[in-house]
């Protein structure tokens, strides 16, 4: 469980792993390590807050708690934005790579994409086969993963001052 969470070192040929093992490895890469560590991924804390939010919704609670502490709504918003943003970027890059590299297995391209954005350094051995555009895309994903997805996105968009007023609240029907 250490290598997929940003070690970049593997003592076995990852290409020889079964599909289930690769899925588990990819999930561990995507989650990554703890916050404030050098590990990549969306971080364990993010997943913990999202799971706590899910459990609170199921139980009908208005507040999210973990370890006898209430989690702030801002932390929940950031966690969900990180998860959604990560999945959105991974999906977009994966679809682009599949379009750019039709001769390479989609399984390997997904693995390469997740490894890049989560700064893991693992590969199924296809990196040398990628075209220039695909390599540049992977490099950009490595940069975004190292700096942080939310950091990159918020640096691109200008922040507007929060207005002094608030709009009426409404509940959106979900499900």
N, C-alpha and C. Protein backbone atom coordinates (compact mmCIF):
# COMPACT_ATOMS: atom_id res chain seq x y z
N UNK A 1 0.82 -1.20 0.00
CA UNK A 1 0.00 0.00 0.00
C UNK A 1 0.85 1.26 0.00
N UNK A 2 2.15 1.16 0.18
CA UNK A 2 3.00 2.34 0.19
C UNK A 2 3.32 2.81 -1.22
N UNK A 3 3.69 1.89 -2.10
CA UNK A 3 4.07 2.28 -3.47
C UNK A 3 2.96 3.02 -4.21
N UNK A 4 1.72 2.56 -4.17
CA UNK A 4 0.70 3.30 -4.92
C UNK A 4 0.38 4.66 -4.31
N UNK A 5 0.81 4.91 -3.11
CA UNK A 5 0.47 6.17 -2.47
C UNK A 5 1.61 7.16 -2.54
N UNK A 6 2.43 7.06 -3.58
CA UNK A 6 3.39 8.05 -4.02
C UNK A 6 4.84 7.66 -3.88
N UNK A 7 5.14 6.40 -3.75
CA UNK A 7 6.53 5.99 -3.64
C UNK A 7 7.24 6.04 -4.99
N UNK A 8 6.55 5.65 -6.06
CA UNK A 8 7.18 5.62 -7.37
C UNK A 8 8.14 4.46 -7.52
N UNK A 9 8.15 3.57 -6.58
CA UNK A 9 9.05 2.41 -6.60
C UNK A 9 8.20 1.16 -6.60
N UNK A 10 8.53 0.23 -7.46
CA UNK A 10 7.82 -1.04 -7.43
C UNK A 10 8.81 -2.16 -7.66
N UNK A 11 8.65 -3.21 -6.90
CA UNK A 11 9.57 -4.34 -7.00
C UNK A 11 8.99 -5.43 -7.90
N UNK A 12 7.79 -5.20 -8.42
CA UNK A 12 7.17 -6.17 -9.32
C UNK A 12 6.79 -5.47 -10.62
N UNK A 13 6.57 -6.26 -11.66
CA UNK A 13 6.11 -5.72 -12.93
C UNK A 13 4.62 -5.43 -12.82
N UNK A 14 4.26 -4.15 -12.78
CA UNK A 14 2.85 -3.78 -12.61
C UNK A 14 1.99 -4.24 -13.77
N UNK A 15 2.56 -4.38 -14.95
CA UNK A 15 1.79 -4.82 -16.11
C UNK A 15 1.32 -6.27 -15.96
N UNK A 16 1.94 -7.03 -15.05
CA UNK A 16 1.55 -8.42 -14.86
C UNK A 16 0.42 -8.58 -13.84
N UNK A 17 -0.01 -7.48 -13.20
CA UNK A 17 -1.07 -7.56 -12.21
C UNK A 17 -2.42 -7.81 -12.88
N UNK A 18 -3.32 -8.44 -12.15
CA UNK A 18 -4.67 -8.68 -12.67
C UNK A 18 -5.44 -7.36 -12.71
N UNK A 19 -6.57 -7.37 -13.39
CA UNK A 19 -7.38 -6.16 -13.51
C UNK A 19 -7.84 -5.67 -12.14
N UNK A 20 -8.26 -6.59 -11.27
CA UNK A 20 -8.71 -6.20 -9.93
C UNK A 20 -7.57 -5.57 -9.14
N UNK A 21 -6.39 -6.14 -9.24
CA UNK A 21 -5.23 -5.58 -8.53
C UNK A 21 -4.89 -4.19 -9.06
N UNK A 22 -4.96 -4.01 -10.38
CA UNK A 22 -4.70 -2.70 -10.96
C UNK A 22 -5.75 -1.68 -10.53
N UNK A 23 -7.00 -2.12 -10.40
CA UNK A 23 -8.05 -1.22 -9.93
C UNK A 23 -7.79 -0.79 -8.50
N UNK A 24 -7.40 -1.73 -7.65
CA UNK A 24 -7.09 -1.40 -6.26
C UNK A 24 -5.88 -0.48 -6.20
N UNK A 25 -4.88 -0.77 -7.00
CA UNK A 25 -3.66 0.06 -7.05
C UNK A 25 -4.02 1.48 -7.50
N UNK A 26 -4.88 1.58 -8.53
CA UNK A 26 -5.30 2.88 -9.04
C UNK A 26 -6.09 3.65 -7.99
N UNK A 27 -6.96 2.97 -7.27
CA UNK A 27 -7.73 3.62 -6.20
C UNK A 27 -6.80 4.15 -5.11
N UNK A 28 -5.82 3.35 -4.73
CA UNK A 28 -4.85 3.80 -3.71
C UNK A 28 -4.04 4.98 -4.22
N UNK A 29 -3.69 4.98 -5.51
CA UNK A 29 -2.96 6.14 -6.07
C UNK A 29 -3.84 7.38 -6.00
N UNK A 30 -5.12 7.22 -6.36
CA UNK A 30 -6.03 8.36 -6.39
C UNK A 30 -6.25 8.93 -4.99
N UNK A 31 -6.39 8.08 -4.00
CA UNK A 31 -6.58 8.57 -2.63
C UNK A 31 -5.30 9.19 -2.10
N UNK A 32 -4.18 8.52 -2.27
CA UNK A 32 -2.91 9.08 -1.85
C UNK A 32 -2.67 8.98 -0.36
N UNK A 33 -1.90 9.92 0.16
CA UNK A 33 -1.50 9.91 1.57
C UNK A 33 -2.25 10.94 2.39
N UNK A 34 -1.70 11.24 3.54
CA UNK A 34 -2.34 12.18 4.46
C UNK A 34 -2.05 13.62 4.06
N UNK A 35 -2.92 14.51 4.48
CA UNK A 35 -2.71 15.94 4.21
C UNK A 35 -1.42 16.39 4.88
N UNK A 36 -0.79 17.39 4.30
CA UNK A 36 0.46 17.96 4.76
C UNK A 36 1.65 17.02 4.57
N UNK A 37 1.43 15.90 3.90
CA UNK A 37 2.55 15.01 3.59
C UNK A 37 2.99 15.29 2.15
N UNK A 38 4.08 14.67 1.76
CA UNK A 38 4.53 14.84 0.38
C UNK A 38 3.83 13.88 -0.56
N UNK A 39 2.93 13.08 -0.02
CA UNK A 39 2.19 12.12 -0.84
C UNK A 39 1.28 12.86 -1.81
N UNK A 40 0.98 12.18 -2.91
CA UNK A 40 0.07 12.75 -3.90
C UNK A 40 -1.36 12.33 -3.63
N UNK A 41 -2.18 12.41 -4.66
CA UNK A 41 -3.57 12.01 -4.53
C UNK A 41 -4.43 13.09 -3.92
N UNK A 42 -5.70 12.73 -3.74
CA UNK A 42 -6.63 13.72 -3.18
C UNK A 42 -6.56 13.78 -1.66
N UNK A 43 -5.88 12.86 -1.05
CA UNK A 43 -5.57 12.77 0.38
C UNK A 43 -6.63 12.00 1.17
N UNK A 44 -6.16 11.32 2.16
CA UNK A 44 -7.01 10.50 3.04
C UNK A 44 -8.03 11.38 3.77
N UNK A 45 -7.61 12.56 4.20
CA UNK A 45 -8.50 13.46 4.93
C UNK A 45 -9.70 13.85 4.07
N UNK A 46 -9.47 14.07 2.78
CA UNK A 46 -10.55 14.44 1.87
C UNK A 46 -11.57 13.32 1.77
N UNK A 47 -11.10 12.10 1.60
CA UNK A 47 -11.99 10.94 1.53
C UNK A 47 -12.73 10.76 2.85
N UNK A 48 -12.04 10.95 3.98
CA UNK A 48 -12.68 10.79 5.28
C UNK A 48 -13.82 11.79 5.47
N UNK A 49 -13.60 13.03 5.07
CA UNK A 49 -14.64 14.05 5.20
C UNK A 49 -15.81 13.72 4.27
N UNK A 50 -15.53 13.27 3.06
CA UNK A 50 -16.60 12.92 2.12
C UNK A 50 -17.42 11.73 2.64
N UNK A 51 -16.76 10.74 3.20
CA UNK A 51 -17.46 9.58 3.76
C UNK A 51 -18.29 10.00 4.97
N UNK A 52 -17.72 10.85 5.81
CA UNK A 52 -18.46 11.34 6.97
C UNK A 52 -19.69 12.12 6.53
N UNK A 53 -19.56 12.91 5.46
CA UNK A 53 -20.70 13.65 4.93
C UNK A 53 -21.76 12.68 4.42
N UNK A 54 -21.34 11.64 3.71
CA UNK A 54 -22.26 10.64 3.18
C UNK A 54 -23.02 9.96 4.33
N UNK A 55 -22.32 9.59 5.37
CA UNK A 55 -22.94 8.94 6.53
C UNK A 55 -23.91 9.89 7.23
N UNK A 56 -23.53 11.16 7.34
CA UNK A 56 -24.40 12.15 7.97
C UNK A 56 -25.69 12.32 7.17
N UNK A 57 -25.58 12.32 5.85
CA UNK A 57 -26.77 12.44 5.00
C UNK A 57 -27.68 11.23 5.18
N UNK A 58 -27.09 10.05 5.19
CA UNK A 58 -27.87 8.82 5.36
C UNK A 58 -28.58 8.81 6.71
N UNK A 59 -27.91 9.28 7.73
CA UNK A 59 -28.49 9.28 9.08
C UNK A 59 -29.40 10.48 9.33
N UNK A 60 -29.50 11.38 8.37
CA UNK A 60 -30.38 12.54 8.51
C UNK A 60 -29.83 13.61 9.44
N UNK A 61 -28.52 13.65 9.62
CA UNK A 61 -27.91 14.65 10.50
C UNK A 61 -27.59 15.92 9.72
N UNK A 62 -27.66 17.04 10.42
CA UNK A 62 -27.35 18.33 9.80
C UNK A 62 -25.89 18.71 9.94
N UNK A 63 -25.18 18.02 10.83
CA UNK A 63 -23.77 18.34 11.08
C UNK A 63 -22.91 17.11 10.86
N UNK A 64 -21.72 17.33 10.40
CA UNK A 64 -20.79 16.23 10.14
C UNK A 64 -19.77 16.20 11.26
N UNK A 65 -19.59 15.03 11.84
CA UNK A 65 -18.63 14.90 12.93
C UNK A 65 -17.66 13.76 12.65
N UNK A 66 -16.43 13.97 13.11
CA UNK A 66 -15.39 12.96 13.06
C UNK A 66 -14.56 13.08 14.34
N UNK A 67 -14.35 11.97 15.02
CA UNK A 67 -13.52 11.95 16.22
C UNK A 67 -13.91 13.04 17.23
N UNK A 68 -15.20 13.13 17.51
CA UNK A 68 -15.74 14.09 18.48
C UNK A 68 -15.47 15.54 18.12
N UNK A 69 -15.37 15.82 16.83
CA UNK A 69 -15.21 17.19 16.34
C UNK A 69 -16.20 17.40 15.20
N UNK A 70 -16.78 18.58 15.15
CA UNK A 70 -17.66 18.92 14.04
C UNK A 70 -16.82 19.46 12.89
N UNK A 71 -17.08 18.94 11.71
CA UNK A 71 -16.35 19.37 10.51
C UNK A 71 -17.05 20.59 9.94
N UNK A 72 -16.28 21.62 9.64
CA UNK A 72 -16.87 22.86 9.13
C UNK A 72 -17.44 22.65 7.73
N UNK A 73 -18.51 23.39 7.42
CA UNK A 73 -19.08 23.29 6.06
C UNK A 73 -18.05 23.64 4.97
N UNK A 74 -17.14 24.54 5.27
CA UNK A 74 -16.11 24.91 4.29
C UNK A 74 -15.20 23.72 3.99
N UNK A 75 -14.86 22.94 5.01
CA UNK A 75 -14.03 21.75 4.79
C UNK A 75 -14.77 20.73 3.93
N UNK A 76 -16.07 20.58 4.17
CA UNK A 76 -16.87 19.65 3.37
C UNK A 76 -16.93 20.12 1.93
N UNK A 77 -17.15 21.42 1.72
CA UNK A 77 -17.20 21.98 0.37
C UNK A 77 -15.89 21.76 -0.37
N UNK A 78 -14.76 22.01 0.31
CA UNK A 78 -13.45 21.83 -0.31
C UNK A 78 -13.19 20.36 -0.63
N UNK A 79 -13.59 19.47 0.27
CA UNK A 79 -13.38 18.04 0.04
C UNK A 79 -14.16 17.57 -1.18
N UNK A 80 -15.43 17.95 -1.24
CA UNK A 80 -16.26 17.54 -2.38
C UNK A 80 -15.78 18.18 -3.68
N UNK A 81 -15.32 19.43 -3.61
CA UNK A 81 -14.78 20.09 -4.80
C UNK A 81 -13.50 19.40 -5.26
N UNK A 82 -12.68 18.98 -4.33
CA UNK A 82 -11.44 18.28 -4.68
C UNK A 82 -11.74 16.95 -5.36
N UNK A 83 -12.68 16.20 -4.80
CA UNK A 83 -13.04 14.91 -5.38
C UNK A 83 -13.65 15.09 -6.76
N UNK A 84 -14.62 15.99 -6.88
CA UNK A 84 -15.26 16.22 -8.17
C UNK A 84 -14.26 16.74 -9.20
N UNK A 85 -13.46 17.71 -8.81
CA UNK A 85 -12.47 18.28 -9.73
C UNK A 85 -11.47 17.24 -10.19
N UNK A 86 -11.01 16.41 -9.26
CA UNK A 86 -10.06 15.36 -9.60
C UNK A 86 -10.66 14.37 -10.59
N UNK A 87 -11.87 13.91 -10.32
CA UNK A 87 -12.53 12.97 -11.23
C UNK A 87 -12.78 13.60 -12.59
N UNK A 88 -13.15 14.86 -12.60
CA UNK A 88 -13.41 15.58 -13.84
C UNK A 88 -12.13 15.69 -14.68
N UNK A 89 -11.03 16.08 -14.06
CA UNK A 89 -9.76 16.23 -14.78
C UNK A 89 -9.24 14.88 -15.25
N UNK A 90 -9.29 13.87 -14.36
CA UNK A 90 -8.83 12.53 -14.75
C UNK A 90 -9.63 12.03 -15.94
N UNK A 91 -10.94 12.19 -15.90
CA UNK A 91 -11.80 11.74 -17.00
C UNK A 91 -11.46 12.47 -18.29
N UNK A 92 -11.32 13.78 -18.21
CA UNK A 92 -11.00 14.58 -19.40
C UNK A 92 -9.66 14.21 -20.01
N UNK A 93 -8.66 14.06 -19.17
CA UNK A 93 -7.32 13.71 -19.66
C UNK A 93 -7.33 12.29 -20.22
N UNK A 94 -8.00 11.38 -19.52
CA UNK A 94 -8.08 10.00 -19.99
C UNK A 94 -8.74 9.92 -21.37
N UNK A 95 -9.87 10.61 -21.55
CA UNK A 95 -10.56 10.60 -22.84
C UNK A 95 -9.66 11.19 -23.93
N UNK A 96 -8.95 12.26 -23.59
CA UNK A 96 -8.03 12.88 -24.55
C UNK A 96 -6.91 11.91 -24.93
N UNK A 97 -6.34 11.23 -23.95
CA UNK A 97 -5.27 10.27 -24.23
C UNK A 97 -5.77 9.10 -25.08
N UNK A 98 -6.97 8.63 -24.80
CA UNK A 98 -7.54 7.54 -25.60
C UNK A 98 -7.70 8.00 -27.06
N UNK A 99 -8.11 9.26 -27.26
CA UNK A 99 -8.26 9.79 -28.62
C UNK A 99 -6.89 9.97 -29.29
N UNK A 100 -5.88 10.40 -28.52
CA UNK A 100 -4.56 10.64 -29.09
C UNK A 100 -3.77 9.36 -29.32
N UNK A 101 -4.04 8.35 -28.52
CA UNK A 101 -3.25 7.11 -28.56
C UNK A 101 -4.16 5.89 -28.77
N UNK A 102 -4.75 5.73 -29.95
CA UNK A 102 -5.69 4.62 -30.17
C UNK A 102 -5.04 3.24 -30.11
N UNK A 103 -3.74 3.15 -30.28
CA UNK A 103 -3.07 1.86 -30.28
C UNK A 103 -2.65 1.36 -28.90
N UNK A 104 -2.90 2.17 -27.87
CA UNK A 104 -2.49 1.79 -26.51
C UNK A 104 -3.74 1.44 -25.70
N UNK A 105 -3.59 0.46 -24.85
CA UNK A 105 -4.69 -0.03 -24.02
C UNK A 105 -5.28 1.10 -23.15
N UNK A 106 -6.60 1.27 -23.17
CA UNK A 106 -7.23 2.27 -22.30
C UNK A 106 -6.92 2.03 -20.82
N UNK A 107 -6.80 0.77 -20.43
CA UNK A 107 -6.46 0.44 -19.04
C UNK A 107 -5.11 1.07 -18.67
N UNK A 108 -4.13 0.94 -19.55
CA UNK A 108 -2.81 1.50 -19.30
C UNK A 108 -2.84 3.03 -19.31
N UNK A 109 -3.64 3.60 -20.20
CA UNK A 109 -3.74 5.06 -20.27
C UNK A 109 -4.40 5.64 -19.02
N UNK A 110 -5.42 4.95 -18.50
CA UNK A 110 -6.04 5.41 -17.26
C UNK A 110 -5.05 5.32 -16.10
N UNK A 111 -4.33 4.21 -16.04
CA UNK A 111 -3.32 4.04 -14.99
C UNK A 111 -2.28 5.15 -15.07
N UNK A 112 -1.81 5.45 -16.27
CA UNK A 112 -0.81 6.50 -16.47
C UNK A 112 -1.35 7.87 -16.06
N UNK A 113 -2.61 8.13 -16.40
CA UNK A 113 -3.24 9.41 -16.04
C UNK A 113 -3.34 9.58 -14.54
N UNK A 114 -3.85 8.58 -13.85
CA UNK A 114 -4.00 8.67 -12.40
C UNK A 114 -2.63 8.76 -11.74
N UNK A 115 -1.68 8.00 -12.22
CA UNK A 115 -0.32 8.04 -11.67
C UNK A 115 0.28 9.43 -11.82
N UNK A 116 0.04 10.07 -12.96
CA UNK A 116 0.61 11.40 -13.21
C UNK A 116 0.00 12.46 -12.31
N UNK A 117 -1.33 12.54 -12.27
CA UNK A 117 -1.96 13.61 -11.48
C UNK A 117 -1.79 13.38 -9.99
N UNK A 118 -1.59 12.13 -9.60
CA UNK A 118 -1.40 11.83 -8.18
C UNK A 118 0.08 11.76 -7.81
N UNK A 119 0.95 12.13 -8.73
CA UNK A 119 2.40 12.20 -8.55
C UNK A 119 2.98 10.93 -7.96
N UNK A 120 2.58 9.79 -8.49
CA UNK A 120 3.04 8.51 -7.96
C UNK A 120 4.32 8.05 -8.64
N UNK A 121 4.39 8.13 -9.95
CA UNK A 121 5.57 7.71 -10.66
C UNK A 121 5.52 6.27 -11.14
N UNK A 122 4.42 5.60 -10.95
CA UNK A 122 4.27 4.22 -11.43
C UNK A 122 3.78 4.24 -12.87
N UNK A 123 4.10 3.18 -13.60
CA UNK A 123 3.68 3.08 -14.99
C UNK A 123 3.53 1.62 -15.37
N UNK A 124 2.74 1.38 -16.38
CA UNK A 124 2.62 0.03 -16.93
C UNK A 124 3.56 -0.15 -18.12
N UNK A 125 4.50 0.76 -18.27
CA UNK A 125 5.51 0.65 -19.32
C UNK A 125 5.13 1.25 -20.64
N UNK A 126 4.16 2.13 -20.67
CA UNK A 126 3.72 2.71 -21.95
C UNK A 126 4.23 4.12 -22.18
N UNK A 127 4.92 4.70 -21.23
CA UNK A 127 5.31 6.11 -21.33
C UNK A 127 6.13 6.37 -22.58
N UNK A 128 7.05 5.49 -22.90
CA UNK A 128 7.90 5.69 -24.08
C UNK A 128 7.10 5.60 -25.38
N UNK A 129 5.98 4.93 -25.36
CA UNK A 129 5.16 4.77 -26.57
C UNK A 129 4.26 5.97 -26.83
N UNK A 130 4.11 6.85 -25.86
CA UNK A 130 3.21 7.99 -26.01
C UNK A 130 3.78 8.98 -27.00
N UNK A 131 2.88 9.66 -27.72
CA UNK A 131 3.28 10.71 -28.64
C UNK A 131 3.65 11.98 -27.87
N UNK A 132 4.16 12.96 -28.57
CA UNK A 132 4.62 14.20 -27.94
C UNK A 132 3.47 14.90 -27.21
N UNK A 133 2.31 15.02 -27.85
CA UNK A 133 1.17 15.70 -27.23
C UNK A 133 0.73 14.98 -25.95
N UNK A 134 0.74 13.67 -25.99
CA UNK A 134 0.34 12.89 -24.81
C UNK A 134 1.34 13.07 -23.68
N UNK A 135 2.62 13.07 -24.03
CA UNK A 135 3.66 13.27 -23.00
C UNK A 135 3.54 14.65 -22.36
N UNK A 136 3.26 15.65 -23.18
CA UNK A 136 3.08 17.01 -22.64
C UNK A 136 1.87 17.04 -21.70
N UNK A 137 0.81 16.37 -22.08
CA UNK A 137 -0.39 16.30 -21.24
C UNK A 137 -0.08 15.61 -19.91
N UNK A 138 0.68 14.54 -19.95
CA UNK A 138 1.08 13.84 -18.73
C UNK A 138 1.96 14.74 -17.86
N UNK A 139 2.87 15.48 -18.48
CA UNK A 139 3.72 16.41 -17.73
C UNK A 139 2.89 17.48 -17.05
N UNK A 140 1.90 18.01 -17.75
CA UNK A 140 1.01 19.02 -17.16
C UNK A 140 0.26 18.43 -15.97
N UNK A 141 -0.18 17.19 -16.12
CA UNK A 141 -0.89 16.54 -15.01
C UNK A 141 0.03 16.34 -13.80
N UNK A 142 1.29 16.04 -14.04
CA UNK A 142 2.25 15.91 -12.93
C UNK A 142 2.41 17.24 -12.21
N UNK A 143 2.48 18.33 -12.98
CA UNK A 143 2.59 19.66 -12.38
C UNK A 143 1.35 20.00 -11.57
N UNK A 144 0.19 19.77 -12.16
CA UNK A 144 -1.07 20.06 -11.47
C UNK A 144 -1.18 19.23 -10.20
N UNK A 145 -0.80 17.97 -10.28
CA UNK A 145 -0.84 17.12 -9.10
C UNK A 145 0.10 17.57 -8.00
N UNK A 146 1.28 18.05 -8.38
CA UNK A 146 2.25 18.49 -7.37
C UNK A 146 1.81 19.80 -6.72
N UNK A 147 1.33 20.73 -7.51
CA UNK A 147 0.92 22.03 -6.97
C UNK A 147 -0.42 21.91 -6.25
N UNK A 148 -1.31 21.10 -6.78
CA UNK A 148 -2.64 20.93 -6.19
C UNK A 148 -3.69 21.43 -7.16
N UNK A 149 -4.68 20.58 -7.39
CA UNK A 149 -5.72 20.90 -8.37
C UNK A 149 -6.46 22.18 -8.02
N UNK A 150 -6.93 22.28 -6.77
CA UNK A 150 -7.68 23.49 -6.39
C UNK A 150 -6.80 24.73 -6.45
N UNK A 151 -5.54 24.60 -6.11
CA UNK A 151 -4.62 25.74 -6.17
C UNK A 151 -4.47 26.22 -7.61
N UNK A 152 -4.29 25.30 -8.54
CA UNK A 152 -4.14 25.67 -9.95
C UNK A 152 -5.42 26.31 -10.47
N UNK A 153 -6.56 25.70 -10.18
CA UNK A 153 -7.83 26.22 -10.70
C UNK A 153 -8.14 27.59 -10.11
N UNK A 154 -7.96 27.75 -8.81
CA UNK A 154 -8.27 29.06 -8.21
C UNK A 154 -7.28 30.13 -8.64
N UNK A 155 -6.07 29.76 -9.04
CA UNK A 155 -5.13 30.77 -9.52
C UNK A 155 -5.48 31.24 -10.92
N UNK A 156 -6.18 30.40 -11.68
CA UNK A 156 -6.58 30.76 -13.04
C UNK A 156 -7.76 31.72 -13.03
N UNK A 157 -8.74 31.44 -12.18
CA UNK A 157 -9.94 32.25 -12.14
C UNK A 157 -9.79 33.37 -11.11
N UNK A 158 -10.25 34.55 -11.49
CA UNK A 158 -10.18 35.70 -10.60
C UNK A 158 -11.28 35.60 -9.55
N UNK A 159 -10.92 35.93 -8.33
CA UNK A 159 -11.91 35.91 -7.25
C UNK A 159 -12.63 37.25 -7.21
N UNK A 160 -13.93 37.15 -7.12
CA UNK A 160 -14.71 38.36 -6.95
C UNK A 160 -14.98 38.54 -5.46
N UNK A 161 -15.10 39.79 -5.06
CA UNK A 161 -15.44 40.04 -3.66
C UNK A 161 -16.81 39.45 -3.36
N UNK A 162 -16.95 38.91 -2.18
CA UNK A 162 -18.25 38.38 -1.78
C UNK A 162 -19.21 39.54 -1.61
N UNK A 163 -20.41 39.43 -2.18
CA UNK A 163 -21.37 40.53 -2.04
C UNK A 163 -21.81 40.68 -0.58
N UNK A 164 -22.30 41.85 -0.26
CA UNK A 164 -22.75 42.14 1.10
C UNK A 164 -24.16 41.59 1.37
N UNK A 165 -24.76 41.03 0.36
CA UNK A 165 -26.11 40.49 0.50
C UNK A 165 -26.09 38.99 0.24
N UNK A 166 -27.15 38.30 0.61
CA UNK A 166 -27.30 36.88 0.36
C UNK A 166 -28.63 36.64 -0.33
N UNK A 167 -28.65 35.73 -1.25
CA UNK A 167 -29.88 35.37 -1.95
C UNK A 167 -30.70 34.43 -1.08
N UNK A 168 -32.00 34.36 -1.33
CA UNK A 168 -32.83 33.44 -0.55
C UNK A 168 -32.36 32.00 -0.73
N UNK A 169 -32.48 31.22 0.32
CA UNK A 169 -32.07 29.81 0.28
C UNK A 169 -33.22 28.95 -0.21
N UNK A 170 -32.84 27.87 -0.87
CA UNK A 170 -33.83 26.91 -1.36
C UNK A 170 -33.22 25.53 -1.35
N UNK A 171 -34.02 24.53 -1.18
CA UNK A 171 -33.54 23.16 -1.23
C UNK A 171 -33.73 22.62 -2.64
N UNK A 172 -32.71 21.97 -3.14
CA UNK A 172 -32.75 21.34 -4.45
C UNK A 172 -33.10 19.88 -4.26
N UNK A 173 -34.04 19.39 -5.03
CA UNK A 173 -34.42 17.99 -4.91
C UNK A 173 -33.33 17.13 -5.51
N UNK A 174 -32.75 16.27 -4.69
CA UNK A 174 -31.68 15.37 -5.13
C UNK A 174 -32.19 13.95 -4.96
N UNK A 175 -32.14 13.18 -6.06
CA UNK A 175 -32.53 11.78 -6.05
C UNK A 175 -34.00 11.65 -6.02
